[in-house]
Amino acid sequence: MTSHPTPADILTPNAEALAAGRQAYRESGEGPTIVLLHGISSGAASWEPLARHLPGYHLLAWDAPGYTDSQPLASSRPLAADYAARLDDWLTAVGVQRCVMVGHSLGAMMASAFAARCPERLAGMILADPALGYRHANAGKRDEVYRSRWTLLAGQGHDAYAAARAPRLLRDDASDDAIARVRDGMRRLNVDGFAQASWMLANDSLEGYVGDGWGVPAAVLCGDQDAITPPQACRDLAARQGLTYHAIPRAGHASYIDAPDAFARALDALARPWLATLPRG
């Protein structure tokens, strides 16, 4: 009898030894590759609900440098380009030549930088509930953004921080399972890696990597109840960059956790034609 994976083991933990150190990730499935980049308060395990709705794809969800068991970046003040360089090394090590890349929130900034660095490696890119970055804000605002998360985590501890912050990433009537998943991701945060990511958010810009265009097909997705990166800001980004915009109904900022089925449908509808000409496997 064929055994079917339980929800807990759809995305299997894995790691790759890179020159820069250990890179942790989760993996599932066979077919064209979709790479999943989590946001600032999350990790690879957060993509489990979405994975259940995406059969027929090879899913690779990384734990960003400094998250769970991934080696932090060398610089305490990294930019998205530094994360993109690690992405490049990791995808080379695991044998991925081309993929669709999904960047959620801060992960969208990393995806943007990767598209600028390696457009030939992307069949398409999805910016989900994208964080735009604060590079053009004044020094006081940048410092506030930098210190607003990791200092609270360090001061309050993981349980208190997760209990207070997790519901804000979801719709008002989010399920208990969704809230528990977001809390679990926050409990796994490493303060040093969190601080590095916070520096990038405060001092870099998603659109700073566009230049004359990313050179790859791209689209913007956003939860219709997103209070962190509001739908209007995401629609404005799509309009400025000439990208299609897709609202995810009944979803907050962590739209792929709030509404994984709707998110998966939108992702599949975009990725399938982008990947149609690529070899499977």
C-alpha atoms as a PDB file:
ATOM      1  CA  MET A   1       0.000   0.000   0.000  1.00  0.00           C
ATOM      2  CA  THR A   2       1.289   3.452  -0.863  1.00  0.00           C
ATOM      3  CA  SER A   3       1.811   5.625   2.184  1.00  0.00           C
ATOM      4  CA  HIS A   4       0.781   9.258   1.984  1.00  0.00           C
ATOM      5  CA  PRO A   5       2.657  11.997   3.846  1.00  0.00           C
ATOM      6  CA  THR A   6       0.968  13.518   6.849  1.00  0.00           C
ATOM      7  CA  PRO A   7       0.633  17.307   6.931  1.00  0.00           C
ATOM      8  CA  ALA A   8       3.622  17.465   9.262  1.00  0.00           C
ATOM      9  CA  ASP A   9       6.054  15.839   6.848  1.00  0.00           C
ATOM     10  CA  ILE A  10       5.039  17.154   3.416  1.00  0.00           C
ATOM     11  CA  LEU A  11       8.040  19.486   3.465  1.00  0.00           C
ATOM     12  CA  THR A  12      10.994  17.426   4.627  1.00  0.00           C
ATOM     13  CA  PRO A  13      13.803  19.210   6.544  1.00  0.00           C
ATOM     14  CA  ASN A  14      17.138  19.169   4.757  1.00  0.00           C
ATOM     15  CA  ALA A  15      20.418  21.085   4.656  1.00  0.00           C
ATOM     16  CA  GLU A  16      23.245  21.820   2.261  1.00  0.00           C
ATOM     17  CA  ALA A  17      26.857  22.507   3.217  1.00  0.00           C
ATOM     18  CA  LEU A  18      27.922  25.655   1.362  1.00  0.00           C
ATOM     19  CA  ALA A  19      31.262  27.439   1.451  1.00  0.00           C
ATOM     20  CA  ALA A  20      29.576  30.049   3.671  1.00  0.00           C
ATOM     21  CA  GLY A  21      28.214  27.372   6.015  1.00  0.00           C
ATOM     22  CA  ARG A  22      25.081  25.337   6.574  1.00  0.00           C
ATOM     23  CA  GLN A  23      21.971  26.265   4.581  1.00  0.00           C
ATOM     24  CA  ALA A  24      18.781  24.732   5.949  1.00  0.00           C
ATOM     25  CA  TYR A  25      15.677  24.212   3.835  1.00  0.00           C
ATOM     26  CA  ARG A  26      12.592  22.050   3.375  1.00  0.00           C
ATOM     27  CA  GLU A  27      11.697  20.123   0.250  1.00  0.00           C
ATOM     28  CA  SER A  28       8.861  18.139  -1.277  1.00  0.00           C
ATOM     29  CA  GLY A  29       7.470  16.791  -4.517  1.00  0.00           C
ATOM     30  CA  GLU A  30       8.626  16.263  -8.065  1.00  0.00           C
ATOM     31  CA  GLY A  31       8.186  18.395 -11.171  1.00  0.00           C
ATOM     32  CA  PRO A  32       9.120  21.973 -12.063  1.00  0.00           C
ATOM     33  CA  THR A  33      10.749  23.794  -9.168  1.00  0.00           C
ATOM     34  CA  ILE A  34       9.125  26.532  -7.123  1.00  0.00           C
ATOM     35  CA  VAL A  35      11.385  28.224  -4.576  1.00  0.00           C
ATOM     36  CA  LEU A  36       9.664  29.714  -1.517  1.00  0.00           C
ATOM     37  CA  LEU A  37      11.202  32.586   0.472  1.00  0.00           C
ATOM     38  CA  HIS A  38       9.592  33.370   3.818  1.00  0.00           C
ATOM     39  CA  GLY A  39       9.205  36.752   5.504  1.00  0.00           C
ATOM     40  CA  ILE A  40      11.041  38.389   8.373  1.00  0.00           C
ATOM     41  CA  SER A  41       9.187  36.670  11.240  1.00  0.00           C
ATOM     42  CA  SER A  42       8.846  33.213   9.746  1.00  0.00           C
ATOM     43  CA  GLY A  43      10.705  30.214   8.349  1.00  0.00           C
ATOM     44  CA  ALA A  44      10.562  27.342   5.885  1.00  0.00           C
ATOM     45  CA  ALA A  45       8.021  25.355   7.931  1.00  0.00           C
ATOM     46  CA  SER A  46       5.438  28.101   7.452  1.00  0.00           C
ATOM     47  CA  TRP A  47       4.853  26.930   3.866  1.00  0.00           C
ATOM     48  CA  GLU A  48       3.421  23.549   4.934  1.00  0.00           C
ATOM     49  CA  PRO A  49      -0.263  24.490   4.418  1.00  0.00           C
ATOM     50  CA  LEU A  50       0.478  25.762   0.910  1.00  0.00           C
ATOM     51  CA  ALA A  51       2.484  22.653  -0.003  1.00  0.00           C
ATOM     52  CA  ARG A  52      -0.601  20.493   0.502  1.00  0.00           C
ATOM     53  CA  HIS A  53      -2.301  22.379  -2.335  1.00  0.00           C
ATOM     54  CA  LEU A  54       0.567  22.219  -4.856  1.00  0.00           C
ATOM     55  CA  PRO A  55       0.951  18.658  -6.148  1.00  0.00           C
ATOM     56  CA  GLY A  56       3.031  18.270  -9.276  1.00  0.00           C
ATOM     57  CA  TYR A  57       5.737  20.705  -8.234  1.00  0.00           C
ATOM     58  CA  HIS A  58       9.164  20.365  -6.676  1.00  0.00           C
ATOM     59  CA  LEU A  59       8.999  22.768  -3.725  1.00  0.00           C
ATOM     60  CA  LEU A  60      12.096  24.199  -2.076  1.00  0.00           C
ATOM     61  CA  ALA A  61      11.507  26.419   0.955  1.00  0.00           C
ATOM     62  CA  TRP A  62      14.639  27.878   2.477  1.00  0.00           C
ATOM     63  CA  ASP A  63      15.309  29.044   5.995  1.00  0.00           C
ATOM     64  CA  ALA A  64      16.960  32.378   5.282  1.00  0.00           C
ATOM     65  CA  PRO A  65      20.507  32.933   6.575  1.00  0.00           C
ATOM     66  CA  GLY A  66      20.379  33.345  10.335  1.00  0.00           C
ATOM     67  CA  TYR A  67      17.052  31.493  10.609  1.00  0.00           C
ATOM     68  CA  THR A  68      16.693  28.102  12.339  1.00  0.00           C
ATOM     69  CA  ASP A  69      19.871  26.170  11.450  1.00  0.00           C
ATOM     70  CA  SER A  70      21.067  28.327   8.523  1.00  0.00           C
ATOM     71  CA  GLN A  71      24.445  30.006   8.870  1.00  0.00           C
ATOM     72  CA  PRO A  72      24.025  33.785   9.253  1.00  0.00           C
ATOM     73  CA  LEU A  73      25.479  36.119   6.668  1.00  0.00           C
ATOM     74  CA  ALA A  74      28.961  37.445   7.382  1.00  0.00           C
ATOM     75  CA  SER A  75      27.850  41.072   7.624  1.00  0.00           C
ATOM     76  CA  SER A  76      25.758  42.335  10.535  1.00  0.00           C
ATOM     77  CA  ARG A  77      24.366  44.938   8.113  1.00  0.00           C
ATOM     78  CA  PRO A  78      23.393  42.945   5.011  1.00  0.00           C
ATOM     79  CA  LEU A  79      21.334  44.096   2.062  1.00  0.00           C
ATOM     80  CA  ALA A  80      19.025  42.038  -0.139  1.00  0.00           C
ATOM     81  CA  ALA A  81      21.905  41.495  -2.573  1.00  0.00           C
ATOM     82  CA  ASP A  82      23.754  39.549   0.149  1.00  0.00           C
ATOM     83  CA  TYR A  83      20.784  37.216   0.600  1.00  0.00           C
ATOM     84  CA  ALA A  84      20.550  36.872  -3.187  1.00  0.00           C
ATOM     85  CA  ALA A  85      24.186  35.754  -3.320  1.00  0.00           C
ATOM     86  CA  ARG A  86      23.434  33.022  -0.755  1.00  0.00           C
ATOM     87  CA  LEU A  87      20.362  32.029  -2.784  1.00  0.00           C
ATOM     88  CA  ASP A  88      22.551  31.728  -5.873  1.00  0.00           C
ATOM     89  CA  ASP A  89      25.046  29.493  -4.058  1.00  0.00           C
ATOM     90  CA  TRP A  90      22.319  27.337  -2.529  1.00  0.00           C
ATOM     91  CA  LEU A  91      20.358  26.791  -5.744  1.00  0.00           C
ATOM     92  CA  THR A  92      23.582  25.895  -7.533  1.00  0.00           C
ATOM     93  CA  ALA A  93      24.434  23.394  -4.795  1.00  0.00           C
ATOM     94  CA  VAL A  94      21.038  21.674  -4.969  1.00  0.00           C
ATOM     95  CA  GLY A  95      21.087  21.581  -8.771  1.00  0.00           C
ATOM     96  CA  VAL A  96      18.303  24.027  -9.602  1.00  0.00           C
ATOM     97  CA  GLN A  97      18.985  25.763 -12.890  1.00  0.00           C
ATOM     98  CA  ARG A  98      15.662  27.569 -13.374  1.00  0.00           C
ATOM     99  CA  CYS A  99      12.619  27.990 -11.188  1.00  0.00           C
ATOM    100  CA  VAL A 100       9.682  30.139 -10.256  1.00  0.00           C
ATOM    101  CA  MET A 101      10.522  32.115  -7.122  1.00  0.00           C
ATOM    102  CA  VAL A 102       7.913  33.203  -4.581  1.00  0.00           C
ATOM    103  CA  GLY A 103       9.049  35.863  -2.138  1.00  0.00           C
ATOM    104  CA  HIS A 104       6.723  36.699   0.750  1.00  0.00           C
ATOM    105  CA  SER A 105       7.040  40.047   2.539  1.00  0.00           C
ATOM    106  CA  LEU A 106      10.777  40.516   3.220  1.00  0.00           C
ATOM    107  CA  GLY A 107      11.360  37.494   0.987  1.00  0.00           C
ATOM    108  CA  ALA A 108      10.021  39.587  -1.898  1.00  0.00           C
ATOM    109  CA  MET A 109      12.966  41.959  -1.453  1.00  0.00           C
ATOM    110  CA  MET A 110      15.337  38.989  -1.615  1.00  0.00           C
ATOM    111  CA  ALA A 111      13.572  37.684  -4.726  1.00  0.00           C
ATOM    112  CA  SER A 112      13.869  41.101  -6.370  1.00  0.00           C
ATOM    113  CA  ALA A 113      17.595  41.181  -5.688  1.00  0.00           C
ATOM    114  CA  PHE A 114      17.972  37.639  -7.008  1.00  0.00           C
ATOM    115  CA  ALA A 115      16.105  38.564 -10.197  1.00  0.00           C
ATOM    116  CA  ALA A 116      18.532  41.443 -10.698  1.00  0.00           C
ATOM    117  CA  ARG A 117      21.509  39.151 -10.075  1.00  0.00           C
ATOM    118  CA  CYS A 118      20.400  36.022 -11.970  1.00  0.00           C
ATOM    119  CA  PRO A 119      17.433  36.715 -14.269  1.00  0.00           C
ATOM    120  CA  GLU A 120      18.387  33.746 -16.421  1.00  0.00           C
ATOM    121  CA  ARG A 121      17.641  31.423 -13.497  1.00  0.00           C
ATOM    122  CA  LEU A 122      14.037  32.545 -13.116  1.00  0.00           C
ATOM    123  CA  ALA A 123      11.104  31.427 -15.227  1.00  0.00           C
ATOM    124  CA  GLY A 124       8.985  33.860 -13.220  1.00  0.00           C
ATOM    125  CA  MET A 125       8.716  35.654  -9.884  1.00  0.00           C
ATOM    126  CA  ILE A 126       5.829  36.261  -7.488  1.00  0.00           C
ATOM    127  CA  LEU A 127       6.004  39.087  -4.969  1.00  0.00           C
ATOM    128  CA  ALA A 128       3.534  38.125  -2.242  1.00  0.00           C
ATOM    129  CA  ASP A 129       2.448  40.782   0.258  1.00  0.00           C
ATOM    130  CA  PRO A 130       5.759  42.461  -0.578  1.00  0.00           C
ATOM    131  CA  ALA A 131       7.758  44.595   1.838  1.00  0.00           C
ATOM    132  CA  LEU A 132       9.096  47.591  -0.075  1.00  0.00           C
ATOM    133  CA  GLY A 133      11.889  48.561   2.337  1.00  0.00           C
ATOM    134  CA  TYR A 134      12.755  51.883   3.965  1.00  0.00           C
ATOM    135  CA  ARG A 135      15.986  52.856   2.215  1.00  0.00           C
ATOM    136  CA  HIS A 136      14.578  56.252   1.225  1.00  0.00           C
ATOM    137  CA  ALA A 137      13.173  57.104   4.671  1.00  0.00           C
ATOM    138  CA  ASN A 138      14.952  59.507   7.005  1.00  0.00           C
ATOM    139  CA  ALA A 139      17.562  58.212   9.445  1.00  0.00           C
ATOM    140  CA  GLY A 140      15.196  58.277  12.406  1.00  0.00           C
ATOM    141  CA  LYS A 141      12.582  56.167  10.647  1.00  0.00           C
ATOM    142  CA  ARG A 142      15.173  53.678   9.420  1.00  0.00           C
ATOM    143  CA  ASP A 143      16.517  53.251  12.935  1.00  0.00           C
ATOM    144  CA  GLU A 144      12.988  52.795  14.296  1.00  0.00           C
ATOM    145  CA  VAL A 145      12.246  50.083  11.726  1.00  0.00           C
ATOM    146  CA  TYR A 146      15.556  48.365  12.420  1.00  0.00           C
ATOM    147  CA  ARG A 147      14.975  48.198  16.175  1.00  0.00           C
ATOM    148  CA  SER A 148      11.223  47.620  16.210  1.00  0.00           C
ATOM    149  CA  ARG A 149      11.263  43.812  16.069  1.00  0.00           C
ATOM    150  CA  TRP A 150      14.444  42.096  17.189  1.00  0.00           C
ATOM    151  CA  THR A 151      14.827  44.255  20.310  1.00  0.00           C
ATOM    152  CA  LEU A 152      11.336  43.263  21.414  1.00  0.00           C
ATOM    153  CA  LEU A 153      12.131  39.604  20.800  1.00  0.00           C
ATOM    154  CA  ALA A 154      15.329  39.912  22.826  1.00  0.00           C
ATOM    155  CA  GLY A 155      13.571  41.767  25.632  1.00  0.00           C
ATOM    156  CA  GLN A 156      10.260  39.911  25.858  1.00  0.00           C
ATOM    157  CA  GLY A 157      11.382  36.406  24.993  1.00  0.00           C
ATOM    158  CA  HIS A 158      10.040  34.189  22.232  1.00  0.00           C
ATOM    159  CA  ASP A 159       6.746  33.127  23.794  1.00  0.00           C
ATOM    160  CA  ALA A 160       5.586  36.621  24.735  1.00  0.00           C
ATOM    161  CA  TYR A 161       6.716  38.099  21.433  1.00  0.00           C
ATOM    162  CA  ALA A 162       4.956  35.398  19.419  1.00  0.00           C
ATOM    163  CA  ALA A 163       1.741  35.664  21.426  1.00  0.00           C
ATOM    164  CA  ALA A 164       1.549  39.417  20.885  1.00  0.00           C
ATOM    165  CA  ARG A 165       2.702  39.585  17.268  1.00  0.00           C
ATOM    166  CA  ALA A 166       1.344  36.491  15.515  1.00  0.00           C
ATOM    167  CA  PRO A 167      -2.341  37.506  15.208  1.00  0.00           C
ATOM    168  CA  ARG A 168      -1.353  40.763  13.472  1.00  0.00           C
ATOM    169  CA  LEU A 169      -0.063  38.811  10.467  1.00  0.00           C
ATOM    170  CA  LEU A 170      -3.415  37.124   9.829  1.00  0.00           C
ATOM    171  CA  ARG A 171      -7.010  38.076   9.115  1.00  0.00           C
ATOM    172  CA  ASP A 172      -9.199  39.067  12.075  1.00  0.00           C
ATOM    173  CA  ASP A 173     -10.988  35.701  12.234  1.00  0.00           C
ATOM    174  CA  ALA A 174      -7.932  33.560  11.517  1.00  0.00           C
ATOM    175  CA  SER A 175      -8.113  29.895  12.434  1.00  0.00           C
ATOM    176  CA  ASP A 176      -6.450  28.578  15.549  1.00  0.00           C
ATOM    177  CA  ASP A 177      -4.198  26.430  13.343  1.00  0.00           C
ATOM    178  CA  ALA A 178      -3.030  29.457  11.351  1.00  0.00           C
ATOM    179  CA  ILE A 179      -2.266  31.457  14.492  1.00  0.00           C
ATOM    180  CA  ALA A 180      -0.413  28.494  15.996  1.00  0.00           C
ATOM    181  CA  ARG A 181       1.690  28.122  12.839  1.00  0.00           C
ATOM    182  CA  VAL A 182       2.714  31.781  12.840  1.00  0.00           C
ATOM    183  CA  ARG A 183       3.498  31.630  16.565  1.00  0.00           C
ATOM    184  CA  ASP A 184       5.599  28.514  16.035  1.00  0.00           C
ATOM    185  CA  GLY A 185       7.652  30.285  13.388  1.00  0.00           C
ATOM    186  CA  MET A 186       8.268  33.224  15.693  1.00  0.00           C
ATOM    187  CA  ARG A 187       9.351  30.912  18.502  1.00  0.00           C
ATOM    188  CA  ARG A 188      12.067  29.551  16.181  1.00  0.00           C
ATOM    189  CA  LEU A 189      13.597  32.952  15.461  1.00  0.00           C
ATOM    190  CA  ASN A 190      17.267  33.574  16.218  1.00  0.00           C
ATOM    191  CA  VAL A 191      17.827  37.090  17.541  1.00  0.00           C
ATOM    192  CA  ASP A 192      21.022  37.671  15.537  1.00  0.00           C
ATOM    193  CA  GLY A 193      19.499  36.522  12.242  1.00  0.00           C
ATOM    194  CA  PHE A 194      16.358  38.521  13.007  1.00  0.00           C
ATOM    195  CA  ALA A 195      18.488  41.614  13.584  1.00  0.00           C
ATOM    196  CA  GLN A 196      20.294  41.114  10.265  1.00  0.00           C
ATOM    197  CA  ALA A 197      16.995  40.838   8.404  1.00  0.00           C
ATOM    198  CA  SER A 198      15.677  43.902  10.222  1.00  0.00           C
ATOM    199  CA  TRP A 199      18.692  45.887   9.048  1.00  0.00           C
ATOM    200  CA  MET A 200      17.974  44.885   5.469  1.00  0.00           C
ATOM    201  CA  LEU A 201      14.306  45.895   5.773  1.00  0.00           C
ATOM    202  CA  ALA A 202      15.264  49.278   7.213  1.00  0.00           C
ATOM    203  CA  ASN A 203      18.065  50.101   4.783  1.00  0.00           C
ATOM    204  CA  ASP A 204      17.220  48.540   1.426  1.00  0.00           C
ATOM    205  CA  SER A 205      14.501  48.858  -1.197  1.00  0.00           C
ATOM    206  CA  LEU A 206      12.704  46.251  -3.286  1.00  0.00           C
ATOM    207  CA  GLU A 207      12.425  48.602  -6.234  1.00  0.00           C
ATOM    208  CA  GLY A 208      16.087  49.510  -5.987  1.00  0.00           C
ATOM    209  CA  TYR A 209      16.811  46.249  -7.799  1.00  0.00           C
ATOM    210  CA  VAL A 210      14.486  46.838 -10.735  1.00  0.00           C
ATOM    211  CA  GLY A 211      16.739  49.033 -12.872  1.00  0.00           C
ATOM    212  CA  ASP A 212      15.398  48.819 -16.429  1.00  0.00           C
ATOM    213  CA  GLY A 213      13.271  45.846 -15.399  1.00  0.00           C
ATOM    214  CA  TRP A 214      13.912  42.470 -13.830  1.00  0.00           C
ATOM    215  CA  GLY A 215      13.865  40.733 -17.181  1.00  0.00           C
ATOM    216  CA  VAL A 216      11.543  37.988 -15.911  1.00  0.00           C
ATOM    217  CA  PRO A 217       7.745  37.605 -15.793  1.00  0.00           C
ATOM    218  CA  ALA A 218       6.444  38.757 -12.424  1.00  0.00           C
ATOM    219  CA  ALA A 219       3.213  39.346 -10.538  1.00  0.00           C
ATOM    220  CA  VAL A 220       2.073  40.751  -7.187  1.00  0.00           C
ATOM    221  CA  LEU A 221      -0.208  38.860  -4.773  1.00  0.00           C
ATOM    222  CA  CYS A 222      -1.687  40.360  -1.613  1.00  0.00           C
ATOM    223  CA  GLY A 223      -4.162  39.324   1.044  1.00  0.00           C
ATOM    224  CA  ASP A 224      -7.263  41.499   0.878  1.00  0.00           C
ATOM    225  CA  GLN A 225      -7.060  42.037   4.664  1.00  0.00           C
ATOM    226  CA  ASP A 226      -3.299  42.645   4.821  1.00  0.00           C
ATOM    227  CA  ALA A 227      -2.640  45.267   7.510  1.00  0.00           C
ATOM    228  CA  ILE A 228       1.177  45.081   7.250  1.00  0.00           C
ATOM    229  CA  THR A 229       1.690  45.679   3.518  1.00  0.00           C
ATOM    230  CA  PRO A 230      -1.781  46.994   2.621  1.00  0.00           C
ATOM    231  CA  PRO A 231      -3.466  46.065  -0.654  1.00  0.00           C
ATOM    232  CA  GLN A 232      -3.341  49.630  -1.992  1.00  0.00           C
ATOM    233  CA  ALA A 233       0.438  49.778  -1.560  1.00  0.00           C
ATOM    234  CA  CYS A 234       0.759  46.415  -3.333  1.00  0.00           C
ATOM    235  CA  ARG A 235      -1.540  47.534  -6.158  1.00  0.00           C
ATOM    236  CA  ASP A 236       0.545  50.696  -6.507  1.00  0.00           C
ATOM    237  CA  LEU A 237       3.733  48.625  -6.757  1.00  0.00           C
ATOM    238  CA  ALA A 238       2.162  46.486  -9.467  1.00  0.00           C
ATOM    239  CA  ALA A 239       1.053  49.577 -11.377  1.00  0.00           C
ATOM    240  CA  ARG A 240       4.473  51.233 -11.158  1.00  0.00           C
ATOM    241  CA  GLN A 241       6.236  48.127 -12.426  1.00  0.00           C
ATOM    242  CA  GLY A 242       3.643  47.051 -14.988  1.00  0.00           C
ATOM    243  CA  LEU A 243       2.835  43.796 -13.171  1.00  0.00           C
ATOM    244  CA  THR A 244      -0.439  41.947 -12.780  1.00  0.00           C
ATOM    245  CA  TYR A 245      -2.075  42.141  -9.352  1.00  0.00           C
ATOM    246  CA  HIS A 246      -4.019  39.333  -7.692  1.00  0.00           C
ATOM    247  CA  ALA A 247      -5.976  39.729  -4.455  1.00  0.00           C
ATOM    248  CA  ILE A 248      -6.110  36.729  -2.115  1.00  0.00           C
ATOM    249  CA  PRO A 249      -9.579  36.758  -0.504  1.00  0.00           C
ATOM    250  CA  ARG A 250     -10.042  36.346   3.241  1.00  0.00           C
ATOM    251  CA  ALA A 251      -6.337  36.666   3.942  1.00  0.00           C
ATOM    252  CA  GLY A 252      -4.134  38.923   5.992  1.00  0.00           C
ATOM    253  CA  HIS A 253      -0.408  39.563   5.562  1.00  0.00           C
ATOM    254  CA  ALA A 254       0.552  35.882   5.795  1.00  0.00           C
ATOM    255  CA  SER A 255      -1.840  35.219   2.928  1.00  0.00           C
ATOM    256  CA  TYR A 256      -0.427  31.777   2.095  1.00  0.00           C
ATOM    257  CA  ILE A 257      -1.185  30.646   5.657  1.00  0.00           C
ATOM    258  CA  ASP A 258      -4.599  32.334   5.967  1.00  0.00           C
ATOM    259  CA  ALA A 259      -5.854  31.131   2.585  1.00  0.00           C
ATOM    260  CA  PRO A 260      -3.486  28.441   1.248  1.00  0.00           C
ATOM    261  CA  ASP A 261      -5.994  27.054  -1.247  1.00  0.00           C
ATOM    262  CA  ALA A 262      -6.677  30.447  -2.877  1.00  0.00           C
ATOM    263  CA  PHE A 263      -2.973  31.330  -2.802  1.00  0.00           C
ATOM    264  CA  ALA A 264      -2.108  28.004  -4.437  1.00  0.00           C
ATOM    265  CA  ARG A 265      -4.668  28.530  -7.197  1.00  0.00           C
ATOM    266  CA  ALA A 266      -3.247  31.950  -8.005  1.00  0.00           C
ATOM    267  CA  LEU A 267       0.328  30.642  -7.861  1.00  0.00           C
ATOM    268  CA  ASP A 268      -0.462  27.661 -10.068  1.00  0.00           C
ATOM    269  CA  ALA A 269      -2.265  29.811 -12.649  1.00  0.00           C
ATOM    270  CA  LEU A 270       0.794  32.057 -12.925  1.00  0.00           C
ATOM    271  CA  ALA A 271       3.549  29.446 -12.642  1.00  0.00           C
ATOM    272  CA  ARG A 272       2.137  26.838 -15.013  1.00  0.00           C
ATOM    273  CA  PRO A 273       2.591  28.885 -18.236  1.00  0.00           C
ATOM    274  CA  TRP A 274       5.911  30.292 -17.008  1.00  0.00           C
ATOM    275  CA  LEU A 275       7.227  26.769 -16.460  1.00  0.00           C
ATOM    276  CA  ALA A 276       5.598  25.154 -19.490  1.00  0.00           C
ATOM    277  CA  THR A 277       8.765  25.134 -21.583  1.00  0.00           C
ATOM    278  CA  LEU A 278      11.056  23.845 -18.828  1.00  0.00           C
ATOM    279  CA  PRO A 279      12.017  20.161 -18.442  1.00  0.00           C
ATOM    280  CA  ARG A 280      10.373  18.424 -15.511  1.00  0.00           C
ATOM    281  CA  GLY A 281      12.449  17.275 -12.607  1.00  0.00           C
END
